[in-house]
């Protein structure tokens, strides 16, 4: 689990993980699921997680 709050959790999973299985297991465990969303990280998001925002390239001036 990468992020956890009282009413929110974020998971990082590999491509081999079936998100439907995660959702089903949460519901079967009695977890009240109000929303469920899947997404892929962009290269920018991966860069920021690996190197941090302070190392982010500057936006081009224009």
C-alpha atoms as a PDB file:
ATOM      1  CA  UNK A   1       0.000   0.000   0.000  1.00  0.00           C
ATOM      2  CA  UNK A   2       1.559   3.289  -1.026  1.00  0.00           C
ATOM      3  CA  UNK A   3      -0.969   5.743   0.410  1.00  0.00           C
ATOM      4  CA  UNK A   4      -3.389   5.210   3.240  1.00  0.00           C
ATOM      5  CA  UNK A   5      -5.838   7.539   4.913  1.00  0.00           C
ATOM      6  CA  UNK A   6      -8.959   6.916   6.943  1.00  0.00           C
ATOM      7  CA  UNK A   7     -11.176   6.898   3.856  1.00  0.00           C
ATOM      8  CA  UNK A   8      -8.643   6.349   1.091  1.00  0.00           C
ATOM      9  CA  UNK A   9      -6.024   3.819   0.041  1.00  0.00           C
ATOM     10  CA  UNK A  10      -3.750   3.632  -2.988  1.00  0.00           C
ATOM     11  CA  UNK A  11      -2.041   0.456  -4.133  1.00  0.00           C
ATOM     12  CA  UNK A  12       0.838  -0.067  -6.535  1.00  0.00           C
ATOM     13  CA  UNK A  13       0.439  -3.419  -8.278  1.00  0.00           C
ATOM     14  CA  UNK A  14       2.195  -5.182 -11.106  1.00  0.00           C
ATOM     15  CA  UNK A  15       0.607  -5.755 -14.499  1.00  0.00           C
ATOM     16  CA  UNK A  16       0.035  -9.403 -13.600  1.00  0.00           C
ATOM     17  CA  UNK A  17      -2.422  -8.480 -10.832  1.00  0.00           C
ATOM     18  CA  UNK A  18      -6.116  -8.640 -11.695  1.00  0.00           C
ATOM     19  CA  UNK A  19      -7.758  -5.525 -10.239  1.00  0.00           C
ATOM     20  CA  UNK A  20     -11.142  -7.293 -10.196  1.00  0.00           C
ATOM     21  CA  UNK A  21      -9.706  -9.870  -7.786  1.00  0.00           C
ATOM     22  CA  UNK A  22      -8.529  -7.101  -5.453  1.00  0.00           C
ATOM     23  CA  UNK A  23     -11.962  -5.490  -5.486  1.00  0.00           C
ATOM     24  CA  UNK A  24     -13.754  -8.797  -4.910  1.00  0.00           C
ATOM     25  CA  UNK A  25     -11.474  -9.693  -1.981  1.00  0.00           C
ATOM     26  CA  UNK A  26     -12.016  -6.279  -0.379  1.00  0.00           C
ATOM     27  CA  UNK A  27     -15.789  -6.647  -0.618  1.00  0.00           C
ATOM     28  CA  UNK A  28     -15.685 -10.244   0.658  1.00  0.00           C
ATOM     29  CA  UNK A  29     -13.595  -9.052   3.628  1.00  0.00           C
ATOM     30  CA  UNK A  30     -16.349  -6.610   4.535  1.00  0.00           C
ATOM     31  CA  UNK A  31     -14.573  -3.446   3.405  1.00  0.00           C
ATOM     32  CA  UNK A  32     -17.021  -0.749   2.362  1.00  0.00           C
ATOM     33  CA  UNK A  33     -15.841   0.273  -1.108  1.00  0.00           C
ATOM     34  CA  UNK A  34     -17.289   3.571  -2.283  1.00  0.00           C
ATOM     35  CA  UNK A  35     -15.109   3.903  -5.350  1.00  0.00           C
ATOM     36  CA  UNK A  36     -12.498   1.900  -7.203  1.00  0.00           C
ATOM     37  CA  UNK A  37     -10.258   3.284  -9.914  1.00  0.00           C
ATOM     38  CA  UNK A  38      -7.360   1.890 -11.897  1.00  0.00           C
ATOM     39  CA  UNK A  39      -4.769   3.910 -13.750  1.00  0.00           C
ATOM     40  CA  UNK A  40      -1.324   3.683 -15.272  1.00  0.00           C
ATOM     41  CA  UNK A  41       1.414   6.079 -14.226  1.00  0.00           C
ATOM     42  CA  UNK A  42       2.772   8.479 -16.800  1.00  0.00           C
ATOM     43  CA  UNK A  43       6.521   8.697 -17.335  1.00  0.00           C
ATOM     44  CA  UNK A  44       6.455  12.085 -15.593  1.00  0.00           C
ATOM     45  CA  UNK A  45       4.809  10.571 -12.503  1.00  0.00           C
ATOM     46  CA  UNK A  46       7.345   7.744 -12.424  1.00  0.00           C
ATOM     47  CA  UNK A  47      10.218  10.239 -12.694  1.00  0.00           C
ATOM     48  CA  UNK A  48       8.845  12.296  -9.803  1.00  0.00           C
ATOM     49  CA  UNK A  49       8.430   9.224  -7.601  1.00  0.00           C
ATOM     50  CA  UNK A  50      11.943   7.994  -8.332  1.00  0.00           C
ATOM     51  CA  UNK A  51      13.885  11.261  -8.305  1.00  0.00           C
ATOM     52  CA  UNK A  52      11.607  13.648  -6.427  1.00  0.00           C
ATOM     53  CA  UNK A  53      10.003  16.877  -7.475  1.00  0.00           C
ATOM     54  CA  UNK A  54      13.136  18.922  -6.717  1.00  0.00           C
ATOM     55  CA  UNK A  55      14.874  17.124  -9.619  1.00  0.00           C
ATOM     56  CA  UNK A  56      12.052  17.633 -12.093  1.00  0.00           C
ATOM     57  CA  UNK A  57      13.071  19.278 -15.375  1.00  0.00           C
ATOM     58  CA  UNK A  58      12.108  22.905 -15.735  1.00  0.00           C
ATOM     59  CA  UNK A  59       9.140  23.697 -17.924  1.00  0.00           C
ATOM     60  CA  UNK A  60      10.109  25.298 -21.234  1.00  0.00           C
ATOM     61  CA  UNK A  61       9.590  29.040 -21.359  1.00  0.00           C
ATOM     62  CA  UNK A  62       7.207  30.217 -23.944  1.00  0.00           C
END
